[in-house]
Amino acid sequence: MLFELVQIEVDQSGDVVAMTPTQPLFELAQDALAMAEFSAARCGIDYGYDADRDCWWAKSADERTLMFLVRPIVGAGLDHAA
């Protein structure tokens, strides 16, 4: 199974403005989570972990809120040589 990191931008009323899957895909969920934390740390003036949503978040200097969510890619890696 592979995992992707998705960057989600949320406006001040909590509505999703943009959802962008990032590259590369990760073989381990722990690696994707580490990249989510790193991405939040470098994007914002304030960041942290949201246990309720199971994601990292960041507030940027221009008041944007970004969330970094790790999700599994269903069916990834199922190509088998015959």
PDB file of N, CA and C in Angstrom:
ATOM      1  N   MET A   1       0.852  -1.177   0.000  1.00  0.00           N
ATOM      2  CA  MET A   1       0.000   0.000   0.000  1.00  0.00           C
ATOM      3  C   MET A   1       0.896   1.238   0.000  1.00  0.00           C
ATOM      4  N   LEU A   2       0.470   2.251  -0.733  1.00  0.00           N
ATOM      5  CA  LEU A   2       1.172   3.521  -0.769  1.00  0.00           C
ATOM      6  C   LEU A   2       0.338   4.591  -0.075  1.00  0.00           C
ATOM      7  N   PHE A   3       1.009   5.674   0.315  1.00  0.00           N
ATOM      8  CA  PHE A   3       0.342   6.767   1.013  1.00  0.00           C
ATOM      9  C   PHE A   3       0.658   8.077   0.300  1.00  0.00           C
ATOM     10  N   GLU A   4      -0.331   8.959   0.269  1.00  0.00           N
ATOM     11  CA  GLU A   4      -0.117  10.273  -0.313  1.00  0.00           C
ATOM     12  C   GLU A   4      -0.332  11.346   0.741  1.00  0.00           C
ATOM     13  N   LEU A   5       0.341  12.452   0.537  1.00  0.00           N
ATOM     14  CA  LEU A   5       0.193  13.621   1.390  1.00  0.00           C
ATOM     15  C   LEU A   5      -0.643  14.630   0.616  1.00  0.00           C
ATOM     16  N   VAL A   6      -1.719  15.092   1.233  1.00  0.00           N
ATOM     17  CA  VAL A   6      -2.619  16.039   0.585  1.00  0.00           C
ATOM     18  C   VAL A   6      -2.574  17.356   1.354  1.00  0.00           C
ATOM     19  N   GLN A   7      -2.329  18.442   0.620  1.00  0.00           N
ATOM     20  CA  GLN A   7      -2.351  19.785   1.210  1.00  0.00           C
ATOM     21  C   GLN A   7      -3.740  20.366   0.984  1.00  0.00           C
ATOM     22  N   ILE A   8      -4.400  20.770   2.060  1.00  0.00           N
ATOM     23  CA  ILE A   8      -5.753  21.311   1.991  1.00  0.00           C
ATOM     24  C   ILE A   8      -5.723  22.737   2.515  1.00  0.00           C
ATOM     25  N   GLU A   9      -6.205  23.670   1.706  1.00  0.00           N
ATOM     26  CA  GLU A   9      -6.314  25.066   2.134  1.00  0.00           C
ATOM     27  C   GLU A   9      -7.745  25.326   2.567  1.00  0.00           C
ATOM     28  N   VAL A  10      -7.889  25.920   3.761  1.00  0.00           N
ATOM     29  CA  VAL A  10      -9.202  26.188   4.340  1.00  0.00           C
ATOM     30  C   VAL A  10      -9.334  27.691   4.557  1.00  0.00           C
ATOM     31  N   ASP A  11     -10.500  28.256   4.197  1.00  0.00           N
ATOM     32  CA  ASP A  11     -10.689  29.695   4.411  1.00  0.00           C
ATOM     33  C   ASP A  11     -11.104  29.970   5.857  1.00  0.00           C
ATOM     34  N   GLN A  12     -11.318  31.223   6.183  1.00  0.00           N
ATOM     35  CA  GLN A  12     -11.606  31.616   7.560  1.00  0.00           C
ATOM     36  C   GLN A  12     -12.923  31.058   8.089  1.00  0.00           C
ATOM     37  N   SER A  13     -13.840  30.691   7.194  1.00  0.00           N
ATOM     38  CA  SER A  13     -15.108  30.108   7.643  1.00  0.00           C
ATOM     39  C   SER A  13     -15.058  28.580   7.712  1.00  0.00           C
ATOM     40  N   GLY A  14     -13.888  28.005   7.415  1.00  0.00           N
ATOM     41  CA  GLY A  14     -13.717  26.563   7.526  1.00  0.00           C
ATOM     42  C   GLY A  14     -14.025  25.793   6.258  1.00  0.00           C
ATOM     43  N   ASP A  15     -14.293  26.495   5.156  1.00  0.00           N
ATOM     44  CA  ASP A  15     -14.579  25.832   3.882  1.00  0.00           C
ATOM     45  C   ASP A  15     -13.282  25.517   3.149  1.00  0.00           C
ATOM     46  N   VAL A  16     -13.255  24.368   2.481  1.00  0.00           N
ATOM     47  CA  VAL A  16     -12.083  23.973   1.702  1.00  0.00           C
ATOM     48  C   VAL A  16     -12.004  24.828   0.446  1.00  0.00           C
ATOM     49  N   VAL A  17     -10.862  25.475   0.251  1.00  0.00           N
ATOM     50  CA  VAL A  17     -10.622  26.324  -0.911  1.00  0.00           C
ATOM     51  C   VAL A  17      -9.873  25.541  -1.988  1.00  0.00           C
ATOM     52  N   ALA A  18      -8.907  24.728  -1.573  1.00  0.00           N
ATOM     53  CA  ALA A  18      -8.108  23.941  -2.515  1.00  0.00           C
ATOM     54  C   ALA A  18      -7.639  22.662  -1.841  1.00  0.00           C
ATOM     55  N   MET A  19      -7.522  21.610  -2.649  1.00  0.00           N
ATOM     56  CA  MET A  19      -7.010  20.327  -2.170  1.00  0.00           C
ATOM     57  C   MET A  19      -6.004  19.836  -3.205  1.00  0.00           C
ATOM     58  N   THR A  20      -4.745  19.720  -2.784  1.00  0.00           N
ATOM     59  CA  THR A  20      -3.679  19.388  -3.717  1.00  0.00           C
ATOM     60  C   THR A  20      -2.889  18.183  -3.231  1.00  0.00           C
ATOM     61  N   PRO A  21      -3.003  17.042  -3.914  1.00  0.00           N
ATOM     62  CA  PRO A  21      -2.124  15.916  -3.575  1.00  0.00           C
ATOM     63  C   PRO A  21      -0.686  16.278  -3.944  1.00  0.00           C
ATOM     64  N   THR A  22       0.255  15.907  -3.104  1.00  0.00           N
ATOM     65  CA  THR A  22       1.660  16.213  -3.374  1.00  0.00           C
ATOM     66  C   THR A  22       2.373  14.953  -3.840  1.00  0.00           C
ATOM     67  N   GLN A  23       3.544  15.127  -4.363  1.00  0.00           N
ATOM     68  CA  GLN A  23       4.379  14.017  -4.805  1.00  0.00           C
ATOM     69  C   GLN A  23       5.657  14.048  -3.989  1.00  0.00           C
ATOM     70  N   PRO A  24       6.338  13.000  -3.767  1.00  0.00           N
ATOM     71  CA  PRO A  24       6.067  11.655  -4.252  1.00  0.00           C
ATOM     72  C   PRO A  24       5.097  10.928  -3.343  1.00  0.00           C
ATOM     73  N   LEU A  25       4.724   9.719  -3.741  1.00  0.00           N
ATOM     74  CA  LEU A  25       3.956   8.841  -2.868  1.00  0.00           C
ATOM     75  C   LEU A  25       4.937   8.187  -1.898  1.00  0.00           C
ATOM     76  N   PHE A  26       4.418   7.737  -0.765  1.00  0.00           N
ATOM     77  CA  PHE A  26       5.255   7.159   0.282  1.00  0.00           C
ATOM     78  C   PHE A  26       4.887   5.705   0.508  1.00  0.00           C
ATOM     79  N   GLU A  27       5.892   4.873   0.728  1.00  0.00           N
ATOM     80  CA  GLU A  27       5.655   3.464   1.016  1.00  0.00           C
ATOM     81  C   GLU A  27       5.255   3.244   2.472  1.00  0.00           C
ATOM     82  N   LEU A  28       5.686   4.141   3.346  1.00  0.00           N
ATOM     83  CA  LEU A  28       5.389   4.016   4.772  1.00  0.00           C
ATOM     84  C   LEU A  28       4.568   5.210   5.251  1.00  0.00           C
ATOM     85  N   ALA A  29       3.531   4.934   6.019  1.00  0.00           N
ATOM     86  CA  ALA A  29       2.700   6.005   6.565  1.00  0.00           C
ATOM     87  C   ALA A  29       3.528   6.929   7.448  1.00  0.00           C
ATOM     88  N   GLN A  30       4.501   6.372   8.187  1.00  0.00           N
ATOM     89  CA  GLN A  30       5.340   7.180   9.070  1.00  0.00           C
ATOM     90  C   GLN A  30       6.153   8.204   8.289  1.00  0.00           C
ATOM     91  N   ASP A  31       6.627   7.835   7.105  1.00  0.00           N
ATOM     92  CA  ASP A  31       7.377   8.772   6.269  1.00  0.00           C
ATOM     93  C   ASP A  31       6.475   9.900   5.789  1.00  0.00           C
ATOM     94  N   ALA A  32       5.248   9.562   5.400  1.00  0.00           N
ATOM     95  CA  ALA A  32       4.299  10.576   4.952  1.00  0.00           C
ATOM     96  C   ALA A  32       3.939  11.517   6.097  1.00  0.00           C
ATOM     97  N   LEU A  33       3.771  10.976   7.298  1.00  0.00           N
ATOM     98  CA  LEU A  33       3.459  11.810   8.464  1.00  0.00           C
ATOM     99  C   LEU A  33       4.622  12.739   8.804  1.00  0.00           C
ATOM    100  N   ALA A  34       5.843  12.244   8.671  1.00  0.00           N
ATOM    101  CA  ALA A  34       7.017  13.091   8.924  1.00  0.00           C
ATOM    102  C   ALA A  34       7.074  14.233   7.910  1.00  0.00           C
ATOM    103  N   MET A  35       6.748  13.954   6.649  1.00  0.00           N
ATOM    104  CA  MET A  35       6.742  15.000   5.634  1.00  0.00           C
ATOM    105  C   MET A  35       5.595  15.984   5.885  1.00  0.00           C
ATOM    106  N   ALA A  36       4.466  15.499   6.393  1.00  0.00           N
ATOM    107  CA  ALA A  36       3.348  16.384   6.737  1.00  0.00           C
ATOM    108  C   ALA A  36       3.770  17.357   7.828  1.00  0.00           C
ATOM    109  N   GLU A  37       4.454  16.862   8.851  1.00  0.00           N
ATOM    110  CA  GLU A  37       4.932  17.732   9.919  1.00  0.00           C
ATOM    111  C   GLU A  37       5.945  18.747   9.387  1.00  0.00           C
ATOM    112  N   PHE A  38       6.876  18.293   8.572  1.00  0.00           N
ATOM    113  CA  PHE A  38       7.878  19.184   7.996  1.00  0.00           C
ATOM    114  C   PHE A  38       7.220  20.263   7.138  1.00  0.00           C
ATOM    115  N   SER A  39       6.246  19.869   6.328  1.00  0.00           N
ATOM    116  CA  SER A  39       5.547  20.820   5.456  1.00  0.00           C
ATOM    117  C   SER A  39       4.812  21.871   6.270  1.00  0.00           C
ATOM    118  N   ALA A  40       4.152  21.452   7.336  1.00  0.00           N
ATOM    119  CA  ALA A  40       3.443  22.399   8.203  1.00  0.00           C
ATOM    120  C   ALA A  40       4.431  23.365   8.857  1.00  0.00           C
ATOM    121  N   ALA A  41       5.549  22.845   9.299  1.00  0.00           N
ATOM    122  CA  ALA A  41       6.547  23.686   9.976  1.00  0.00           C
ATOM    123  C   ALA A  41       7.134  24.742   9.051  1.00  0.00           C
ATOM    124  N   ARG A  42       7.338  24.416   7.797  1.00  0.00           N
ATOM    125  CA  ARG A  42       7.961  25.378   6.884  1.00  0.00           C
ATOM    126  C   ARG A  42       6.958  26.328   6.248  1.00  0.00           C
ATOM    127  N   CYS A  43       5.661  26.008   6.303  1.00  0.00           N
ATOM    128  CA  CYS A  43       4.634  26.844   5.660  1.00  0.00           C
ATOM    129  C   CYS A  43       4.054  27.914   6.565  1.00  0.00           C
ATOM    130  N   GLY A  44       4.147  27.721   7.850  1.00  0.00           N
ATOM    131  CA  GLY A  44       3.396  28.606   8.713  1.00  0.00           C
ATOM    132  C   GLY A  44       4.193  29.317   9.774  1.00  0.00           C
ATOM    133  N   ILE A  45       3.549  30.352  10.309  1.00  0.00           N
ATOM    134  CA  ILE A  45       4.128  31.047  11.448  1.00  0.00           C
ATOM    135  C   ILE A  45       3.716  30.337  12.734  1.00  0.00           C
ATOM    136  N   ASP A  46       2.669  29.520  12.619  1.00  0.00           N
ATOM    137  CA  ASP A  46       2.196  28.693  13.723  1.00  0.00           C
ATOM    138  C   ASP A  46       1.748  27.371  13.116  1.00  0.00           C
ATOM    139  N   TYR A  47       2.053  26.262  13.790  1.00  0.00           N
ATOM    140  CA  TYR A  47       1.630  24.967  13.279  1.00  0.00           C
ATOM    141  C   TYR A  47       1.483  23.987  14.430  1.00  0.00           C
ATOM    142  N   GLY A  48       0.800  22.877  14.148  1.00  0.00           N
ATOM    143  CA  GLY A  48       0.617  21.863  15.169  1.00  0.00           C
ATOM    144  C   GLY A  48      -0.094  20.649  14.610  1.00  0.00           C
ATOM    145  N   TYR A  49      -0.368  19.721  15.508  1.00  0.00           N
ATOM    146  CA  TYR A  49      -1.038  18.485  15.122  1.00  0.00           C
ATOM    147  C   TYR A  49      -2.482  18.534  15.597  1.00  0.00           C
ATOM    148  N   ASP A  50      -3.425  18.199  14.731  1.00  0.00           N
ATOM    149  CA  ASP A  50      -4.852  18.155  15.048  1.00  0.00           C
ATOM    150  C   ASP A  50      -5.237  16.685  15.216  1.00  0.00           C
ATOM    151  N   ALA A  51      -5.362  16.239  16.468  1.00  0.00           N
ATOM    152  CA  ALA A  51      -5.660  14.839  16.742  1.00  0.00           C
ATOM    153  C   ALA A  51      -7.066  14.448  16.284  1.00  0.00           C
ATOM    154  N   ASP A  52      -8.004  15.389  16.332  1.00  0.00           N
ATOM    155  CA  ASP A  52      -9.371  15.078  15.898  1.00  0.00           C
ATOM    156  C   ASP A  52      -9.436  14.770  14.403  1.00  0.00           C
ATOM    157  N   ARG A  53      -8.664  15.495  13.618  1.00  0.00           N
ATOM    158  CA  ARG A  53      -8.654  15.298  12.157  1.00  0.00           C
ATOM    159  C   ARG A  53      -7.492  14.422  11.693  1.00  0.00           C
ATOM    160  N   ASP A  54      -6.591  14.080  12.621  1.00  0.00           N
ATOM    161  CA  ASP A  54      -5.421  13.256  12.334  1.00  0.00           C
ATOM    162  C   ASP A  54      -4.592  13.859  11.199  1.00  0.00           C
ATOM    163  N   CYS A  55      -4.241  15.142  11.369  1.00  0.00           N
ATOM    164  CA  CYS A  55      -3.441  15.822  10.354  1.00  0.00           C
ATOM    165  C   CYS A  55      -2.621  16.934  11.010  1.00  0.00           C
ATOM    166  N   TRP A  56      -1.629  17.414  10.283  1.00  0.00           N
ATOM    167  CA  TRP A  56      -0.855  18.580  10.696  1.00  0.00           C
ATOM    168  C   TRP A  56      -1.481  19.805  10.063  1.00  0.00           C
ATOM    169  N   TRP A  57      -1.390  20.954  10.727  1.00  0.00           N
ATOM    170  CA  TRP A  57      -1.956  22.205  10.205  1.00  0.00           C
ATOM    171  C   TRP A  57      -0.926  23.314  10.357  1.00  0.00           C
ATOM    172  N   ALA A  58      -1.128  24.375   9.589  1.00  0.00           N
ATOM    173  CA  ALA A  58      -0.268  25.554   9.668  1.00  0.00           C
ATOM    174  C   ALA A  58      -1.089  26.790   9.372  1.00  0.00           C
ATOM    175  N   LYS A  59      -0.783  27.878  10.069  1.00  0.00           N
ATOM    176  CA  LYS A  59      -1.360  29.198   9.775  1.00  0.00           C
ATOM    177  C   LYS A  59      -0.248  30.019   9.156  1.00  0.00           C
ATOM    178  N   SER A  60      -0.505  30.555   7.965  1.00  0.00           N
ATOM    179  CA  SER A  60       0.512  31.343   7.276  1.00  0.00           C
ATOM    180  C   SER A  60       0.421  32.805   7.692  1.00  0.00           C
ATOM    181  N   ALA A  61       1.427  33.562   7.307  1.00  0.00           N
ATOM    182  CA  ALA A  61       1.474  34.991   7.644  1.00  0.00           C
ATOM    183  C   ALA A  61       0.301  35.747   7.039  1.00  0.00           C
ATOM    184  N   ASP A  62      -0.235  35.261   5.928  1.00  0.00           N
ATOM    185  CA  ASP A  62      -1.377  35.928   5.291  1.00  0.00           C
ATOM    186  C   ASP A  62      -2.719  35.352   5.752  1.00  0.00           C
ATOM    187  N   GLU A  63      -2.698  34.676   6.919  1.00  0.00           N
ATOM    188  CA  GLU A  63      -3.908  34.157   7.582  1.00  0.00           C
ATOM    189  C   GLU A  63      -4.552  32.958   6.889  1.00  0.00           C
ATOM    190  N   ARG A  64      -3.846  32.333   5.954  1.00  0.00           N
ATOM    191  CA  ARG A  64      -4.379  31.108   5.360  1.00  0.00           C
ATOM    192  C   ARG A  64      -4.145  29.957   6.323  1.00  0.00           C
ATOM    193  N   THR A  65      -5.063  29.002   6.321  1.00  0.00           N
ATOM    194  CA  THR A  65      -4.885  27.792   7.097  1.00  0.00           C
ATOM    195  C   THR A  65      -4.665  26.643   6.131  1.00  0.00           C
ATOM    196  N   LEU A  66      -3.586  25.925   6.338  1.00  0.00           N
ATOM    197  CA  LEU A  66      -3.263  24.766   5.529  1.00  0.00           C
ATOM    198  C   LEU A  66      -3.290  23.536   6.414  1.00  0.00           C
ATOM    199  N   MET A  67      -3.837  22.452   5.888  1.00  0.00           N
ATOM    200  CA  MET A  67      -3.826  21.171   6.585  1.00  0.00           C
ATOM    201  C   MET A  67      -3.075  20.178   5.714  1.00  0.00           C
ATOM    202  N   PHE A  68      -2.335  19.284   6.344  1.00  0.00           N
ATOM    203  CA  PHE A  68      -1.554  18.276   5.641  1.00  0.00           C
ATOM    204  C   PHE A  68      -2.021  16.908   6.115  1.00  0.00           C
ATOM    205  N   LEU A  69      -2.761  16.244   5.245  1.00  0.00           N
ATOM    206  CA  LEU A  69      -3.430  14.990   5.564  1.00  0.00           C
ATOM    207  C   LEU A  69      -2.754  13.847   4.835  1.00  0.00           C
ATOM    208  N   VAL A  70      -2.515  12.745   5.542  1.00  0.00           N
ATOM    209  CA  VAL A  70      -1.961  11.538   4.930  1.00  0.00           C
ATOM    210  C   VAL A  70      -3.111  10.569   4.717  1.00  0.00           C
ATOM    211  N   ARG A  71      -3.188  10.037   3.491  1.00  0.00           N
ATOM    212  CA  ARG A  71      -4.236   9.050   3.240  1.00  0.00           C
ATOM    213  C   ARG A  71      -3.673   7.926   2.375  1.00  0.00           C
ATOM    214  N   PRO A  72      -4.192   6.710   2.600  1.00  0.00           N
ATOM    215  CA  PRO A  72      -3.725   5.564   1.814  1.00  0.00           C
ATOM    216  C   PRO A  72      -4.277   5.632   0.393  1.00  0.00           C
ATOM    217  N   ILE A  73      -3.497   5.113  -0.533  1.00  0.00           N
ATOM    218  CA  ILE A  73      -3.925   4.983  -1.919  1.00  0.00           C
ATOM    219  C   ILE A  73      -4.435   3.558  -2.075  1.00  0.00           C
ATOM    220  N   VAL A  74      -5.729   3.421  -2.208  1.00  0.00           N
ATOM    221  CA  VAL A  74      -6.344   2.093  -2.316  1.00  0.00           C
ATOM    222  C   VAL A  74      -6.022   1.493  -3.672  1.00  0.00           C
ATOM    223  N   GLY A  75      -5.572   0.255  -3.647  1.00  0.00           N
ATOM    224  CA  GLY A  75      -5.277  -0.436  -4.887  1.00  0.00           C
ATOM    225  C   GLY A  75      -3.903  -0.144  -5.442  1.00  0.00           C
ATOM    226  N   ALA A  76      -3.117   0.692  -4.780  1.00  0.00           N
ATOM    227  CA  ALA A  76      -1.786   1.015  -5.281  1.00  0.00           C
ATOM    228  C   ALA A  76      -0.864  -0.187  -5.109  1.00  0.00           C
ATOM    229  N   GLY A  77       0.010  -0.348  -6.052  1.00  0.00           N
ATOM    230  CA  GLY A  77       1.011  -1.410  -5.952  1.00  0.00           C
ATOM    231  C   GLY A  77       0.469  -2.799  -6.199  1.00  0.00           C
ATOM    232  N   LEU A  78      -0.661  -2.916  -6.908  1.00  0.00           N
ATOM    233  CA  LEU A  78      -1.245  -4.224  -7.145  1.00  0.00           C
ATOM    234  C   LEU A  78      -0.836  -4.827  -8.480  1.00  0.00           C
ATOM    235  N   ASP A  79       0.061  -4.156  -9.204  1.00  0.00           N
ATOM    236  CA  ASP A  79       0.516  -4.697 -10.485  1.00  0.00           C
ATOM    237  C   ASP A  79       1.485  -5.835 -10.198  1.00  0.00           C
ATOM    238  N   HIS A  80       1.156  -6.997 -10.669  1.00  0.00           N
ATOM    239  CA  HIS A  80       2.010  -8.169 -10.466  1.00  0.00           C
ATOM    240  C   HIS A  80       2.460  -8.674 -11.813  1.00  0.00           C
ATOM    241  N   ALA A  81       3.715  -9.051 -11.898  1.00  0.00           N
ATOM    242  CA  ALA A  81       4.215  -9.635 -13.146  1.00  0.00           C
ATOM    243  C   ALA A  81       3.654 -11.035 -13.285  1.00  0.00           C
ATOM    244  N   ALA A  82       3.318 -11.403 -14.504  1.00  0.00           N
ATOM    245  CA  ALA A  82       2.745 -12.739 -14.754  1.00  0.00           C
ATOM    246  C   ALA A  82       3.845 -13.764 -14.910  1.00  0.00           C
TER     247      ALA A  82
END
